[in-house]
PDB file of N, CA and C in Angstrom:
ATOM      1  N   MET A   1       1.162  -1.293  -0.013  1.00  0.00           N
ATOM      2  CA  MET A   1      -0.035   0.018  -0.310  1.00  0.00           C
ATOM      3  C   MET A   1       0.636   0.869  -0.011  1.00  0.00           C
ATOM      4  N   GLN A   2       0.660   2.289  -1.261  1.00  0.00           N
ATOM      5  CA  GLN A   2       1.565   3.108  -0.552  1.00  0.00           C
ATOM      6  C   GLN A   2       0.757   4.241  -0.089  1.00  0.00           C
ATOM      7  N   SER A   3       2.033   5.336   0.609  1.00  0.00           N
ATOM      8  CA  SER A   3       1.459   6.268   0.975  1.00  0.00           C
ATOM      9  C   SER A   3       0.822   7.721   0.235  1.00  0.00           C
ATOM     10  N   ALA A   4      -0.275   8.587   0.931  1.00  0.00           N
ATOM     11  CA  ALA A   4      -0.300  10.309   0.079  1.00  0.00           C
ATOM     12  C   ALA A   4       1.260  10.353  -0.010  1.00  0.00           C
ATOM     13  N   PRO A   5       1.141  11.333  -0.610  1.00  0.00           N
ATOM     14  CA  PRO A   5       2.888  12.061  -1.143  1.00  0.00           C
ATOM     15  C   PRO A   5       2.143  12.645  -0.334  1.00  0.00           C
ATOM     16  N   PRO A   6       3.150  13.569   0.309  1.00  0.00           N
ATOM     17  CA  PRO A   6       3.249  14.512   1.706  1.00  0.00           C
ATOM     18  C   PRO A   6       3.291  15.531   1.333  1.00  0.00           C
ATOM     19  N   ASP A   7       2.353  16.776   1.693  1.00  0.00           N
ATOM     20  CA  ASP A   7       2.808  18.017   1.616  1.00  0.00           C
ATOM     21  C   ASP A   7       3.448  18.849   1.215  1.00  0.00           C
ATOM     22  N   PRO A   8       4.157  19.721   0.271  1.00  0.00           N
ATOM     23  CA  PRO A   8       5.048  20.235   0.489  1.00  0.00           C
ATOM     24  C   PRO A   8       5.135  21.838   1.189  1.00  0.00           C
ATOM     25  N   ALA A   9       4.184  21.544   1.688  1.00  0.00           N
ATOM     26  CA  ALA A   9       4.129  23.312   2.676  1.00  0.00           C
ATOM     27  C   ALA A   9       4.340  22.616   4.212  1.00  0.00           C
ATOM     28  N   ALA A  10       3.716  21.662   3.904  1.00  0.00           N
ATOM     29  CA  ALA A  10       4.180  20.632   5.552  1.00  0.00           C
ATOM     30  C   ALA A  10       5.631  19.955   6.126  1.00  0.00           C
ATOM     31  N   GLU A  11       5.799  19.540   4.544  1.00  0.00           N
ATOM     32  CA  GLU A  11       6.902  19.218   5.061  1.00  0.00           C
ATOM     33  C   GLU A  11       7.917  20.924   4.975  1.00  0.00           C
ATOM     34  N   LEU A  12       8.193  21.274   4.341  1.00  0.00           N
ATOM     35  CA  LEU A  12       8.470  22.762   4.301  1.00  0.00           C
ATOM     36  C   LEU A  12       8.572  23.462   5.572  1.00  0.00           C
ATOM     37  N   ASP A  13       8.254  23.909   6.566  1.00  0.00           N
ATOM     38  CA  ASP A  13       7.012  24.249   7.902  1.00  0.00           C
ATOM     39  C   ASP A  13       7.923  22.995   8.627  1.00  0.00           C
ATOM     40  N   MET A  14       7.829  21.822   8.600  1.00  0.00           N
ATOM     41  CA  MET A  14       8.627  20.608   9.599  1.00  0.00           C
ATOM     42  C   MET A  14       9.828  21.327   9.637  1.00  0.00           C
ATOM     43  N   LEU A  15      11.188  21.538   8.107  1.00  0.00           N
ATOM     44  CA  LEU A  15      12.265  21.526   8.228  1.00  0.00           C
ATOM     45  C   LEU A  15      12.604  22.889   8.804  1.00  0.00           C
ATOM     46  N   LEU A  16      11.770  23.939   8.556  1.00  0.00           N
ATOM     47  CA  LEU A  16      12.062  25.264   8.397  1.00  0.00           C
ATOM     48  C   LEU A  16      12.266  24.988  10.293  1.00  0.00           C
ATOM     49  N   ARG A  17      10.998  24.610  11.292  1.00  0.00           N
ATOM     50  CA  ARG A  17      11.135  24.450  12.911  1.00  0.00           C
ATOM     51  C   ARG A  17      11.917  24.303  12.868  1.00  0.00           C
ATOM     52  N   ARG A  18      12.945  22.847  12.253  1.00  0.00           N
ATOM     53  CA  ARG A  18      13.846  22.195  12.788  1.00  0.00           C
ATOM     54  C   ARG A  18      15.189  22.538  12.542  1.00  0.00           C
ATOM     55  N   ALA A  19      15.381  24.028  11.873  1.00  0.00           N
ATOM     56  CA  ALA A  19      16.260  24.501  11.719  1.00  0.00           C
ATOM     57  C   ALA A  19      16.343  25.532  12.545  1.00  0.00           C
ATOM     58  N   GLY A  20      15.142  26.074  12.918  1.00  0.00           N
ATOM     59  CA  GLY A  20      14.558  26.803  13.761  1.00  0.00           C
ATOM     60  C   GLY A  20      14.600  29.097  13.143  1.00  0.00           C
ATOM     61  N   ILE A  21      14.182  28.503  12.108  1.00  0.00           N
ATOM     62  CA  ILE A  21      13.957  28.814  10.628  1.00  0.00           C
ATOM     63  C   ILE A  21      11.962  29.308  10.906  1.00  0.00           C
ATOM     64  N   THR A  22      12.529  31.288  11.367  1.00  0.00           N
ATOM     65  CA  THR A  22      10.944  31.786  11.505  1.00  0.00           C
ATOM     66  C   THR A  22      10.435  32.898  10.320  1.00  0.00           C
ATOM     67  N   LEU A  23      10.054  32.361   9.492  1.00  0.00           N
ATOM     68  CA  LEU A  23       9.671  33.304   8.142  1.00  0.00           C
ATOM     69  C   LEU A  23       8.133  34.900   8.422  1.00  0.00           C
ATOM     70  N   PRO A  24       8.613  34.918   7.898  1.00  0.00           N
ATOM     71  CA  PRO A  24       7.437  35.701   7.698  1.00  0.00           C
ATOM     72  C   PRO A  24       5.759  35.341   6.740  1.00  0.00           C
ATOM     73  N   PRO A  25       4.701  35.868   7.583  1.00  0.00           N
ATOM     74  CA  PRO A  25       3.390  35.068   6.180  1.00  0.00           C
ATOM     75  C   PRO A  25       3.721  35.736   5.030  1.00  0.00           C
ATOM     76  N   GLU A  26       4.549  36.841   4.913  1.00  0.00           N
ATOM     77  CA  GLU A  26       4.220  37.115   3.767  1.00  0.00           C
ATOM     78  C   GLU A  26       5.731  36.018   2.643  1.00  0.00           C
ATOM     79  N   ARG A  27       6.318  36.051   2.866  1.00  0.00           N
ATOM     80  CA  ARG A  27       7.874  35.296   2.290  1.00  0.00           C
ATOM     81  C   ARG A  27       7.481  33.941   1.853  1.00  0.00           C
ATOM     82  N   MET A  28       6.156  33.693   2.923  1.00  0.00           N
ATOM     83  CA  MET A  28       6.008  31.673   3.083  1.00  0.00           C
ATOM     84  C   MET A  28       5.192  31.229   1.042  1.00  0.00           C
ATOM     85  N   PRO A  29       4.999  32.284   0.667  1.00  0.00           N
ATOM     86  CA  PRO A  29       5.104  31.400  -0.603  1.00  0.00           C
ATOM     87  C   PRO A  29       6.290  31.569  -1.777  1.00  0.00           C
ATOM     88  N   GLY A  30       7.261  32.500  -1.750  1.00  0.00           N
ATOM     89  CA  GLY A  30       8.671  32.754  -2.927  1.00  0.00           C
ATOM     90  C   GLY A  30       8.823  31.303  -2.010  1.00  0.00           C
ATOM     91  N   VAL A  31       9.845  31.160  -0.426  1.00  0.00           N
ATOM     92  CA  VAL A  31      10.147  30.066  -0.564  1.00  0.00           C
ATOM     93  C   VAL A  31       9.708  28.772  -0.309  1.00  0.00           C
ATOM     94  N   LEU A  32       8.879  28.630  -1.029  1.00  0.00           N
ATOM     95  CA  LEU A  32       8.163  27.609  -1.034  1.00  0.00           C
ATOM     96  C   LEU A  32       7.786  26.934  -1.742  1.00  0.00           C
ATOM     97  N   ALA A  33       7.973  28.097  -3.057  1.00  0.00           N
ATOM     98  CA  ALA A  33       8.222  28.006  -4.410  1.00  0.00           C
ATOM     99  C   ALA A  33       9.496  27.756  -5.122  1.00  0.00           C
ATOM    100  N   GLY A  34      10.663  28.489  -4.203  1.00  0.00           N
ATOM    101  CA  GLY A  34      11.959  27.957  -4.289  1.00  0.00           C
ATOM    102  C   GLY A  34      12.494  25.834  -3.757  1.00  0.00           C
ATOM    103  N   PHE A  35      11.100  25.776  -3.458  1.00  0.00           N
ATOM    104  CA  PHE A  35      10.967  24.758  -2.732  1.00  0.00           C
ATOM    105  C   PHE A  35      11.194  23.750  -2.927  1.00  0.00           C
ATOM    106  N   LEU A  36       9.979  23.496  -4.021  1.00  0.00           N
ATOM    107  CA  LEU A  36       9.077  23.171  -4.839  1.00  0.00           C
ATOM    108  C   LEU A  36       9.808  22.844  -6.321  1.00  0.00           C
ATOM    109  N   ASP A  37      11.007  23.658  -6.854  1.00  0.00           N
ATOM    110  CA  ASP A  37      11.953  23.964  -7.302  1.00  0.00           C
ATOM    111  C   ASP A  37      12.795  23.315  -7.544  1.00  0.00           C
ATOM    112  N   LEU A  38      14.116  22.886  -6.283  1.00  0.00           N
ATOM    113  CA  LEU A  38      14.053  22.161  -5.966  1.00  0.00           C
ATOM    114  C   LEU A  38      14.635  21.343  -5.614  1.00  0.00           C
ATOM    115  N   GLN A  39      13.085  20.450  -4.896  1.00  0.00           N
ATOM    116  CA  GLN A  39      12.236  18.767  -5.182  1.00  0.00           C
ATOM    117  C   GLN A  39      12.515  19.021  -6.744  1.00  0.00           C
ATOM    118  N   VAL A  40      12.140  19.301  -7.417  1.00  0.00           N
ATOM    119  CA  VAL A  40      12.023  18.920  -8.891  1.00  0.00           C
ATOM    120  C   VAL A  40      14.124  18.680  -9.368  1.00  0.00           C
ATOM    121  N   MET A  41      15.253  19.638  -9.084  1.00  0.00           N
ATOM    122  CA  MET A  41      16.553  19.040  -9.195  1.00  0.00           C
ATOM    123  C   MET A  41      16.794  18.204  -8.571  1.00  0.00           C
ATOM    124  N   LEU A  42      15.742  17.687  -7.596  1.00  0.00           N
ATOM    125  CA  LEU A  42      17.600  17.173  -6.363  1.00  0.00           C
ATOM    126  C   LEU A  42      17.464  15.563  -7.579  1.00  0.00           C
ATOM    127  N   PRO A  43      16.978  14.812  -7.894  1.00  0.00           N
ATOM    128  CA  PRO A  43      17.256  13.938  -8.433  1.00  0.00           C
ATOM    129  C   PRO A  43      18.349  14.151  -9.568  1.00  0.00           C
ATOM    130  N   LEU A  44      18.689  15.665 -10.410  1.00  0.00           N
ATOM    131  CA  LEU A  44      19.201  15.432 -11.202  1.00  0.00           C
ATOM    132  C   LEU A  44      21.101  16.454  -9.951  1.00  0.00           C
ATOM    133  N   LEU A  45      20.779  16.756  -8.962  1.00  0.00           N
ATOM    134  CA  LEU A  45      22.483  16.528  -8.200  1.00  0.00           C
ATOM    135  C   LEU A  45      23.007  15.890  -7.633  1.00  0.00           C
ATOM    136  N   ARG A  46      21.461  14.450  -7.916  1.00  0.00           N
ATOM    137  CA  ARG A  46      22.132  13.277  -6.912  1.00  0.00           C
ATOM    138  C   ARG A  46      22.521  12.383  -7.547  1.00  0.00           C
ATOM    139  N   GLN A  47      23.150  12.573  -9.230  1.00  0.00           N
ATOM    140  CA  GLN A  47      23.640  11.636 -10.061  1.00  0.00           C
ATOM    141  C   GLN A  47      25.148  10.784  -9.664  1.00  0.00           C
ATOM    142  N   PRO A  48      25.956   9.773 -10.335  1.00  0.00           N
ATOM    143  CA  PRO A  48      26.745   9.835  -9.672  1.00  0.00           C
ATOM    144  C   PRO A  48      27.233  10.538 -10.775  1.00  0.00           C
ATOM    145  N   ARG A  49      28.843  11.114 -10.328  1.00  0.00           N
ATOM    146  CA  ARG A  49      29.084  11.660 -11.408  1.00  0.00           C
ATOM    147  C   ARG A  49      31.010  11.270 -11.673  1.00  0.00           C
ATOM    148  N   SER A  50      32.075  11.697 -12.773  1.00  0.00           N
ATOM    149  CA  SER A  50      33.200  11.470 -12.612  1.00  0.00           C
ATOM    150  C   SER A  50      33.641  12.731 -12.133  1.00  0.00           C
ATOM    151  N   ALA A  51      34.936  13.080 -11.913  1.00  0.00           N
ATOM    152  CA  ALA A  51      35.933  13.484 -11.875  1.00  0.00           C
ATOM    153  C   ALA A  51      36.282  14.616 -12.850  1.00  0.00           C
ATOM    154  N   ALA A  52      35.780  14.621 -14.610  1.00  0.00           N
ATOM    155  CA  ALA A  52      36.107  15.266 -14.906  1.00  0.00           C
ATOM    156  C   ALA A  52      34.074  15.921 -15.222  1.00  0.00           C
ATOM    157  N   ALA A  53      33.879  15.619 -14.740  1.00  0.00           N
ATOM    158  CA  ALA A  53      31.941  16.873 -14.767  1.00  0.00           C
ATOM    159  C   ALA A  53      32.648  17.925 -14.070  1.00  0.00           C
ATOM    160  N   GLU A  54      33.857  17.087 -12.590  1.00  0.00           N
ATOM    161  CA  GLU A  54      33.881  18.775 -11.899  1.00  0.00           C
ATOM    162  C   GLU A  54      34.833  19.343 -11.949  1.00  0.00           C
ATOM    163  N   PRO A  55      33.372  20.995 -11.718  1.00  0.00           N
ATOM    164  CA  PRO A  55      35.270  21.934 -12.798  1.00  0.00           C
ATOM    165  C   PRO A  55      36.067  22.070 -11.764  1.00  0.00           C
ATOM    166  N   ALA A  56      37.171  23.220 -12.225  1.00  0.00           N
ATOM    167  CA  ALA A  56      38.251  22.874 -11.796  1.00  0.00           C
ATOM    168  C   ALA A  56      38.112  24.260 -10.636  1.00  0.00           C
ATOM    169  N   GLY A  57      39.265  24.529  -9.952  1.00  0.00           N
ATOM    170  CA  GLY A  57      39.177  25.154  -8.338  1.00  0.00           C
ATOM    171  C   GLY A  57      40.111  25.961  -8.835  1.00  0.00           C
ATOM    172  N   THR A  58      40.894  25.358  -9.221  1.00  0.00           N
ATOM    173  CA  THR A  58      41.937  26.756  -9.431  1.00  0.00           C
ATOM    174  C   THR A  58      41.668  26.830 -10.476  1.00  0.00           C
ATOM    175  N   TYR A  59      42.612  27.932 -11.429  1.00  0.00           N
ATOM    176  CA  TYR A  59      43.304  28.226 -13.032  1.00  0.00           C
ATOM    177  C   TYR A  59      45.315  28.058 -13.047  1.00  0.00           C
ATOM    178  N   ASP A  60      44.713  28.248 -14.348  1.00  0.00           N
ATOM    179  CA  ASP A  60      46.197  28.765 -14.930  1.00  0.00           C
ATOM    180  C   ASP A  60      46.218  30.470 -15.307  1.00  0.00           C
ATOM    181  N   LEU A  61      47.037  30.960 -14.776  1.00  0.00           N
ATOM    182  CA  LEU A  61      46.769  32.603 -15.074  1.00  0.00           C
ATOM    183  C   LEU A  61      47.384  32.930 -16.537  1.00  0.00           C
ATOM    184  N   SER A  62      48.638  32.312 -16.807  1.00  0.00           N
ATOM    185  CA  SER A  62      49.273  31.912 -18.520  1.00  0.00           C
ATOM    186  C   SER A  62      48.257  31.189 -19.347  1.00  0.00           C
ATOM    187  N   THR A  63      46.385  30.530 -19.017  1.00  0.00           N
ATOM    188  CA  THR A  63      46.050  30.751 -20.365  1.00  0.00           C
ATOM    189  C   THR A  63      45.359  31.969 -20.176  1.00  0.00           C
ATOM    190  N   ILE A  64      44.494  32.445 -19.327  1.00  0.00           N
ATOM    191  CA  ILE A  64      43.911  33.901 -19.355  1.00  0.00           C
ATOM    192  C   ILE A  64      45.160  34.801 -19.967  1.00  0.00           C
ATOM    193  N   THR A  65      45.842  35.307 -19.871  1.00  0.00           N
ATOM    194  CA  THR A  65      46.912  35.641 -20.093  1.00  0.00           C
ATOM    195  C   THR A  65      47.411  35.952 -21.425  1.00  0.00           C
ATOM    196  N   ARG A  66      46.711  35.304 -22.308  1.00  0.00           N
ATOM    197  CA  ARG A  66      47.997  34.578 -23.357  1.00  0.00           C
ATOM    198  C   ARG A  66      48.115  35.844 -24.290  1.00  0.00           C
ATOM    199  N   ASP A  67      46.630  36.138 -25.051  1.00  0.00           N
ATOM    200  CA  ASP A  67      46.655  37.229 -25.476  1.00  0.00           C
ATOM    201  C   ASP A  67      47.134  38.909 -25.368  1.00  0.00           C
ATOM    202  N   MET A  68      47.441  38.960 -24.610  1.00  0.00           N
ATOM    203  CA  MET A  68      47.792  40.078 -23.664  1.00  0.00           C
ATOM    204  C   MET A  68      49.727  40.420 -23.508  1.00  0.00           C
ATOM    205  N   PRO A  69      49.974  41.276 -23.981  1.00  0.00           N
ATOM    206  CA  PRO A  69      51.185  42.044 -24.469  1.00  0.00           C
ATOM    207  C   PRO A  69      51.603  41.560 -23.268  1.00  0.00           C
TER     208      PRO A  69
END
């Protein structure tokens, strides 16, 4: 038997309370919209990746300035 899908507003409220965050009521719709967008992106973010898929943390100054006199 499948359980009912969680209520996103209730889930967000629980996460905010757990983190000790109090939002003004007028901000809740915007934060909830961002929370829902993040839920859509999570499966894309939680995929295995190789080292080649990771961005470099450093750069070589000579490659950026090679066309400069």
